[in-house]
Amino acid sequence: MLSVPQPELVTPGEGDIHDQVARALADEAAERSRLFEELGLQLTPQRIFDDFAEDLGRGSGFLYAFVNLISPDGQHFAGLYQPPPGAGYPVMDRGMRLDHGWCPHVVHRRRSLPLHNVHAAPQFSGNPVVDAAGITSYYGAPLIHESGTCLGTVCIADPEPRQLSDSLKLRDQVAAQRDTVMRAITTGAHRR
């Protein structure tokens, strides 16, 4: 399992983008928690979300795909698709700190974040996930409930950069799967 750096190794600076994102996530935490309970969403792996992640990973050709629910305690990968152990790629845990990766930024922005090459955007290049897992490309879309509260994200990530010309297609593919996941959440399909 891939372990990202411990808290004492990665500490966001005063007023940096991670602090801004953390404050925004904290502002909505109570409503997000209430909705998780109301919708019956567990912050644990769920087969239906694993299936959605696998469909997205296979369909996009990305090594990693996630259905990621955000809580005050961190990111929770309710759905995860990744290479099997021993395939020569890092194996991800089922969660991550809020100051790791790009999903918290998607939740804060409330819109998709297409990063064909994270190194092309300095504010996203310096990230523990780049160092720990070698992730270079990321596409994420927010899971926004009809109340306006963002529950988390659907995203894909890969160690290989993508062509900028593929960004629209990949962004739309992630957004389409996000819509499918959101329908499953609002209709209670994850409870069956």
C-alpha atoms as a PDB file:
ATOM      1  CA  MET A   1       0.000   0.000   0.000  1.00  0.00           C
ATOM      2  CA  LEU A   2       1.161   3.492  -0.805  1.00  0.00           C
ATOM      3  CA  SER A   3       1.545   5.656   2.233  1.00  0.00           C
ATOM      4  CA  VAL A   4       1.711   9.368   1.692  1.00  0.00           C
ATOM      5  CA  PRO A   5       3.975  11.452   3.952  1.00  0.00           C
ATOM      6  CA  GLN A   6       2.993  11.764   7.608  1.00  0.00           C
ATOM      7  CA  PRO A   7       1.555  15.070   8.863  1.00  0.00           C
ATOM      8  CA  GLU A   8       4.841  16.273  10.313  1.00  0.00           C
ATOM      9  CA  LEU A   9       6.492  15.926   6.905  1.00  0.00           C
ATOM     10  CA  VAL A  10       3.975  17.984   4.947  1.00  0.00           C
ATOM     11  CA  THR A  11       2.735  21.106   6.661  1.00  0.00           C
ATOM     12  CA  PRO A  12       0.962  23.754   4.595  1.00  0.00           C
ATOM     13  CA  GLY A  13       2.282  27.262   5.084  1.00  0.00           C
ATOM     14  CA  GLU A  14       0.339  30.180   6.483  1.00  0.00           C
ATOM     15  CA  GLY A  15      -2.105  31.452   3.889  1.00  0.00           C
ATOM     16  CA  ASP A  16      -1.113  29.043   1.110  1.00  0.00           C
ATOM     17  CA  ILE A  17      -3.610  27.378  -1.226  1.00  0.00           C
ATOM     18  CA  HIS A  18      -3.917  24.319   1.034  1.00  0.00           C
ATOM     19  CA  ASP A  19      -4.960  26.567   3.933  1.00  0.00           C
ATOM     20  CA  GLN A  20      -7.547  28.298   1.754  1.00  0.00           C
ATOM     21  CA  VAL A  21      -8.958  24.963   0.615  1.00  0.00           C
ATOM     22  CA  ALA A  22      -8.962  23.580   4.180  1.00  0.00           C
ATOM     23  CA  ARG A  23     -10.922  26.593   5.440  1.00  0.00           C
ATOM     24  CA  ALA A  24     -13.474  26.262   2.638  1.00  0.00           C
ATOM     25  CA  LEU A  25     -13.903  22.537   3.301  1.00  0.00           C
ATOM     26  CA  ALA A  26     -14.343  23.162   7.030  1.00  0.00           C
ATOM     27  CA  ASP A  27     -17.072  25.745   6.351  1.00  0.00           C
ATOM     28  CA  GLU A  28     -19.202  23.096   4.640  1.00  0.00           C
ATOM     29  CA  ALA A  29     -18.240  20.093   6.823  1.00  0.00           C
ATOM     30  CA  ALA A  30     -21.381  19.987   8.985  1.00  0.00           C
ATOM     31  CA  GLU A  31     -23.726  20.076   5.995  1.00  0.00           C
ATOM     32  CA  ARG A  32     -21.653  17.465   4.167  1.00  0.00           C
ATOM     33  CA  SER A  33     -21.762  15.157   7.226  1.00  0.00           C
ATOM     34  CA  ARG A  34     -25.527  15.651   7.545  1.00  0.00           C
ATOM     35  CA  LEU A  35     -25.999  14.723   3.902  1.00  0.00           C
ATOM     36  CA  PHE A  36     -23.780  11.646   4.216  1.00  0.00           C
ATOM     37  CA  GLU A  37     -26.084  10.429   6.985  1.00  0.00           C
ATOM     38  CA  GLU A  38     -29.291  11.388   5.176  1.00  0.00           C
ATOM     39  CA  LEU A  39     -28.150   9.723   1.941  1.00  0.00           C
ATOM     40  CA  GLY A  40     -26.745   6.653   3.698  1.00  0.00           C
ATOM     41  CA  LEU A  41     -23.233   7.307   2.391  1.00  0.00           C
ATOM     42  CA  GLN A  42     -20.495   5.439   4.218  1.00  0.00           C
ATOM     43  CA  LEU A  43     -16.902   6.653   4.214  1.00  0.00           C
ATOM     44  CA  THR A  44     -15.807   3.095   3.475  1.00  0.00           C
ATOM     45  CA  PRO A  45     -15.291   1.081   0.276  1.00  0.00           C
ATOM     46  CA  GLN A  46     -18.516   0.204  -1.507  1.00  0.00           C
ATOM     47  CA  ARG A  47     -18.759  -2.259  -4.380  1.00  0.00           C
ATOM     48  CA  ILE A  48     -21.002  -0.027  -6.504  1.00  0.00           C
ATOM     49  CA  PHE A  49     -18.499   2.836  -6.285  1.00  0.00           C
ATOM     50  CA  ASP A  50     -15.594   0.477  -7.018  1.00  0.00           C
ATOM     51  CA  ASP A  51     -17.498  -0.571 -10.150  1.00  0.00           C
ATOM     52  CA  PHE A  52     -17.994   3.057 -11.196  1.00  0.00           C
ATOM     53  CA  ALA A  53     -14.288   3.742 -10.633  1.00  0.00           C
ATOM     54  CA  GLU A  54     -13.283   0.663 -12.624  1.00  0.00           C
ATOM     55  CA  ASP A  55     -15.540   1.654 -15.545  1.00  0.00           C
ATOM     56  CA  LEU A  56     -13.975   5.115 -15.578  1.00  0.00           C
ATOM     57  CA  GLY A  57     -10.399   3.862 -15.255  1.00  0.00           C
ATOM     58  CA  ARG A  58     -10.761   1.289 -18.001  1.00  0.00           C
ATOM     59  CA  GLY A  59     -12.708   3.645 -20.262  1.00  0.00           C
ATOM     60  CA  SER A  60     -10.200   6.467 -19.917  1.00  0.00           C
ATOM     61  CA  GLY A  61      -7.058   4.332 -20.000  1.00  0.00           C
ATOM     62  CA  PHE A  62      -5.908   5.791 -16.671  1.00  0.00           C
ATOM     63  CA  LEU A  63      -4.266   3.564 -14.065  1.00  0.00           C
ATOM     64  CA  TYR A  64      -6.209   5.067 -11.158  1.00  0.00           C
ATOM     65  CA  ALA A  65      -9.834   6.144 -10.769  1.00  0.00           C
ATOM     66  CA  PHE A  66     -11.694   7.205  -7.639  1.00  0.00           C
ATOM     67  CA  VAL A  67     -15.059   8.026  -6.141  1.00  0.00           C
ATOM     68  CA  ASN A  68     -13.807  10.230  -3.333  1.00  0.00           C
ATOM     69  CA  LEU A  69     -15.951  11.407  -0.409  1.00  0.00           C
ATOM     70  CA  ILE A  70     -14.580  14.318   1.614  1.00  0.00           C
ATOM     71  CA  SER A  71     -14.935  14.591   5.396  1.00  0.00           C
ATOM     72  CA  PRO A  72     -13.205  16.769   7.990  1.00  0.00           C
ATOM     73  CA  ASP A  73     -10.932  13.770   8.652  1.00  0.00           C
ATOM     74  CA  GLY A  74      -9.721  13.436   5.077  1.00  0.00           C
ATOM     75  CA  GLN A  75     -10.489  11.947   1.709  1.00  0.00           C
ATOM     76  CA  HIS A  76     -12.227   8.573   1.618  1.00  0.00           C
ATOM     77  CA  PHE A  77     -12.051   6.464  -1.528  1.00  0.00           C
ATOM     78  CA  ALA A  78     -15.469   4.795  -1.499  1.00  0.00           C
ATOM     79  CA  GLY A  79     -14.642   3.696  -5.045  1.00  0.00           C
ATOM     80  CA  LEU A  80     -11.135   2.802  -6.196  1.00  0.00           C
ATOM     81  CA  TYR A  81      -9.664   1.323  -9.356  1.00  0.00           C
ATOM     82  CA  GLN A  82      -5.922   0.745  -9.549  1.00  0.00           C
ATOM     83  CA  PRO A  83      -3.311  -1.662 -10.875  1.00  0.00           C
ATOM     84  CA  PRO A  84      -3.078  -4.905  -8.920  1.00  0.00           C
ATOM     85  CA  PRO A  85      -0.282  -5.367  -6.378  1.00  0.00           C
ATOM     86  CA  GLY A  86       2.915  -6.506  -8.036  1.00  0.00           C
ATOM     87  CA  ALA A  87       2.162  -4.762 -11.347  1.00  0.00           C
ATOM     88  CA  GLY A  88       5.014  -2.320 -10.831  1.00  0.00           C
ATOM     89  CA  TYR A  89       2.884   0.670  -9.819  1.00  0.00           C
ATOM     90  CA  PRO A  90       2.151   2.113  -6.383  1.00  0.00           C
ATOM     91  CA  VAL A  91      -0.903   0.649  -4.656  1.00  0.00           C
ATOM     92  CA  MET A  92      -3.087   3.328  -3.086  1.00  0.00           C
ATOM     93  CA  ASP A  93      -4.659   3.190   0.350  1.00  0.00           C
ATOM     94  CA  ARG A  94      -8.386   3.876   0.666  1.00  0.00           C
ATOM     95  CA  GLY A  95      -7.891   7.405   1.942  1.00  0.00           C
ATOM     96  CA  MET A  96      -5.696  10.455   1.935  1.00  0.00           C
ATOM     97  CA  ARG A  97      -5.159  13.626   3.910  1.00  0.00           C
ATOM     98  CA  LEU A  98      -6.930  16.785   2.792  1.00  0.00           C
ATOM     99  CA  ASP A  99      -3.666  18.516   1.887  1.00  0.00           C
ATOM    100  CA  HIS A 100      -2.704  15.752  -0.559  1.00  0.00           C
ATOM    101  CA  GLY A 101      -3.847  15.394  -4.135  1.00  0.00           C
ATOM    102  CA  TRP A 102      -6.130  17.656  -6.104  1.00  0.00           C
ATOM    103  CA  CYS A 103      -9.647  16.545  -5.113  1.00  0.00           C
ATOM    104  CA  PRO A 104      -9.935  19.057  -2.248  1.00  0.00           C
ATOM    105  CA  HIS A 105      -9.256  21.788  -4.824  1.00  0.00           C
ATOM    106  CA  VAL A 106     -12.084  20.441  -6.999  1.00  0.00           C
ATOM    107  CA  VAL A 107     -14.452  20.519  -4.005  1.00  0.00           C
ATOM    108  CA  HIS A 108     -13.340  24.072  -3.188  1.00  0.00           C
ATOM    109  CA  ARG A 109     -13.633  25.234  -6.831  1.00  0.00           C
ATOM    110  CA  ARG A 110     -16.942  23.390  -7.393  1.00  0.00           C
ATOM    111  CA  ARG A 111     -15.947  22.698 -10.963  1.00  0.00           C
ATOM    112  CA  SER A 112     -13.843  20.263 -12.890  1.00  0.00           C
ATOM    113  CA  LEU A 113     -10.077  20.404 -12.730  1.00  0.00           C
ATOM    114  CA  PRO A 114      -8.319  19.042 -15.822  1.00  0.00           C
ATOM    115  CA  LEU A 115      -4.558  18.693 -15.347  1.00  0.00           C
ATOM    116  CA  HIS A 116      -3.043  17.063 -18.412  1.00  0.00           C
ATOM    117  CA  ASN A 117       0.370  17.554 -16.805  1.00  0.00           C
ATOM    118  CA  VAL A 118       0.465  18.738 -13.187  1.00  0.00           C
ATOM    119  CA  HIS A 119       3.919  20.209 -13.791  1.00  0.00           C
ATOM    120  CA  ALA A 120       2.428  22.691 -16.258  1.00  0.00           C
ATOM    121  CA  ALA A 121       0.661  24.411 -13.328  1.00  0.00           C
ATOM    122  CA  PRO A 122       3.102  25.351 -10.530  1.00  0.00           C
ATOM    123  CA  GLN A 123       0.347  25.616  -7.900  1.00  0.00           C
ATOM    124  CA  PHE A 124      -0.510  21.937  -8.506  1.00  0.00           C
ATOM    125  CA  SER A 125       2.963  20.553  -9.217  1.00  0.00           C
ATOM    126  CA  GLY A 126       4.230  20.681  -5.639  1.00  0.00           C
ATOM    127  CA  ASN A 127       2.038  17.961  -4.176  1.00  0.00           C
ATOM    128  CA  PRO A 128       2.902  14.913  -2.042  1.00  0.00           C
ATOM    129  CA  VAL A 129       1.012  12.667  -4.479  1.00  0.00           C
ATOM    130  CA  VAL A 130       3.449  13.639  -7.223  1.00  0.00           C
ATOM    131  CA  ASP A 131       6.374  12.535  -5.059  1.00  0.00           C
ATOM    132  CA  ALA A 132       4.791   9.486  -3.410  1.00  0.00           C
ATOM    133  CA  ALA A 133       2.928   7.977  -6.379  1.00  0.00           C
ATOM    134  CA  GLY A 134       4.472   9.706  -9.381  1.00  0.00           C
ATOM    135  CA  ILE A 135       1.098  11.040 -10.550  1.00  0.00           C
ATOM    136  CA  THR A 136       1.477  13.453 -13.448  1.00  0.00           C
ATOM    137  CA  SER A 137      -2.034  13.760 -14.928  1.00  0.00           C
ATOM    138  CA  TYR A 138      -5.318  14.286 -13.086  1.00  0.00           C
ATOM    139  CA  TYR A 139      -8.907  14.992 -14.105  1.00  0.00           C
ATOM    140  CA  GLY A 140     -11.538  15.512 -11.395  1.00  0.00           C
ATOM    141  CA  ALA A 141     -15.183  16.570 -11.265  1.00  0.00           C
ATOM    142  CA  PRO A 142     -17.181  17.592  -8.162  1.00  0.00           C
ATOM    143  CA  LEU A 143     -20.078  15.558  -6.745  1.00  0.00           C
ATOM    144  CA  ILE A 144     -22.508  18.399  -6.047  1.00  0.00           C
ATOM    145  CA  HIS A 145     -25.755  17.515  -4.281  1.00  0.00           C
ATOM    146  CA  GLU A 146     -28.946  19.302  -5.338  1.00  0.00           C
ATOM    147  CA  SER A 147     -28.667  21.325  -2.095  1.00  0.00           C
ATOM    148  CA  GLY A 148     -25.455  22.859  -3.459  1.00  0.00           C
ATOM    149  CA  THR A 149     -23.174  20.994  -1.049  1.00  0.00           C
ATOM    150  CA  CYS A 150     -20.184  19.305  -2.629  1.00  0.00           C
ATOM    151  CA  LEU A 151     -19.821  15.739  -1.299  1.00  0.00           C
ATOM    152  CA  GLY A 152     -16.554  14.855  -2.983  1.00  0.00           C
ATOM    153  CA  THR A 153     -15.251  14.026  -6.441  1.00  0.00           C
ATOM    154  CA  VAL A 154     -14.972  11.513  -9.216  1.00  0.00           C
ATOM    155  CA  CYS A 155     -11.486  11.544 -10.691  1.00  0.00           C
ATOM    156  CA  ILE A 156      -8.769   9.792 -12.652  1.00  0.00           C
ATOM    157  CA  ALA A 157      -5.001   9.988 -12.195  1.00  0.00           C
ATOM    158  CA  ASP A 158      -2.008   8.525 -13.981  1.00  0.00           C
ATOM    159  CA  PRO A 159       1.788   8.708 -13.934  1.00  0.00           C
ATOM    160  CA  GLU A 160       1.840   9.576 -17.647  1.00  0.00           C
ATOM    161  CA  PRO A 161       1.097  13.127 -18.810  1.00  0.00           C
ATOM    162  CA  ARG A 162      -1.667  13.469 -21.368  1.00  0.00           C
ATOM    163  CA  GLN A 163      -1.870  15.570 -24.484  1.00  0.00           C
ATOM    164  CA  LEU A 164      -3.479  18.945 -23.920  1.00  0.00           C
ATOM    165  CA  SER A 165      -5.648  18.222 -26.966  1.00  0.00           C
ATOM    166  CA  ASP A 166      -7.228  15.259 -25.081  1.00  0.00           C
ATOM    167  CA  SER A 167      -8.224  17.365 -22.072  1.00  0.00           C
ATOM    168  CA  LEU A 168     -11.764  18.218 -23.149  1.00  0.00           C
ATOM    169  CA  LYS A 169     -12.584  14.600 -23.966  1.00  0.00           C
ATOM    170  CA  LEU A 170     -11.162  13.353 -20.647  1.00  0.00           C
ATOM    171  CA  ARG A 171     -12.828  16.135 -18.644  1.00  0.00           C
ATOM    172  CA  ASP A 172     -16.181  15.283 -20.234  1.00  0.00           C
ATOM    173  CA  GLN A 173     -15.670  11.559 -19.638  1.00  0.00           C
ATOM    174  CA  VAL A 174     -15.038  12.173 -15.937  1.00  0.00           C
ATOM    175  CA  ALA A 175     -18.018  14.546 -15.732  1.00  0.00           C
ATOM    176  CA  ALA A 176     -20.302  11.953 -17.343  1.00  0.00           C
ATOM    177  CA  GLN A 177     -19.252   9.332 -14.789  1.00  0.00           C
ATOM    178  CA  ARG A 178     -19.703  11.908 -12.028  1.00  0.00           C
ATOM    179  CA  ASP A 179     -23.297  12.364 -13.211  1.00  0.00           C
ATOM    180  CA  THR A 180     -23.824   8.594 -13.087  1.00  0.00           C
ATOM    181  CA  VAL A 181     -22.402   8.402  -9.563  1.00  0.00           C
ATOM    182  CA  MET A 182     -24.523  11.345  -8.403  1.00  0.00           C
ATOM    183  CA  ARG A 183     -27.671   9.679  -9.809  1.00  0.00           C
ATOM    184  CA  ALA A 184     -26.793   6.495  -7.912  1.00  0.00           C
ATOM    185  CA  ILE A 185     -26.324   8.489  -4.710  1.00  0.00           C
ATOM    186  CA  THR A 186     -29.574  10.455  -5.004  1.00  0.00           C
ATOM    187  CA  THR A 187     -31.645   7.380  -5.949  1.00  0.00           C
ATOM    188  CA  GLY A 188     -30.117   5.277  -3.162  1.00  0.00           C
ATOM    189  CA  ALA A 189     -28.597   2.666  -5.490  1.00  0.00           C
ATOM    190  CA  HIS A 190     -25.591   2.434  -3.143  1.00  0.00           C
ATOM    191  CA  ARG A 191     -27.924   1.222  -0.346  1.00  0.00           C
ATOM    192  CA  ARG A 192     -29.075  -1.879  -2.232  1.00  0.00           C
END
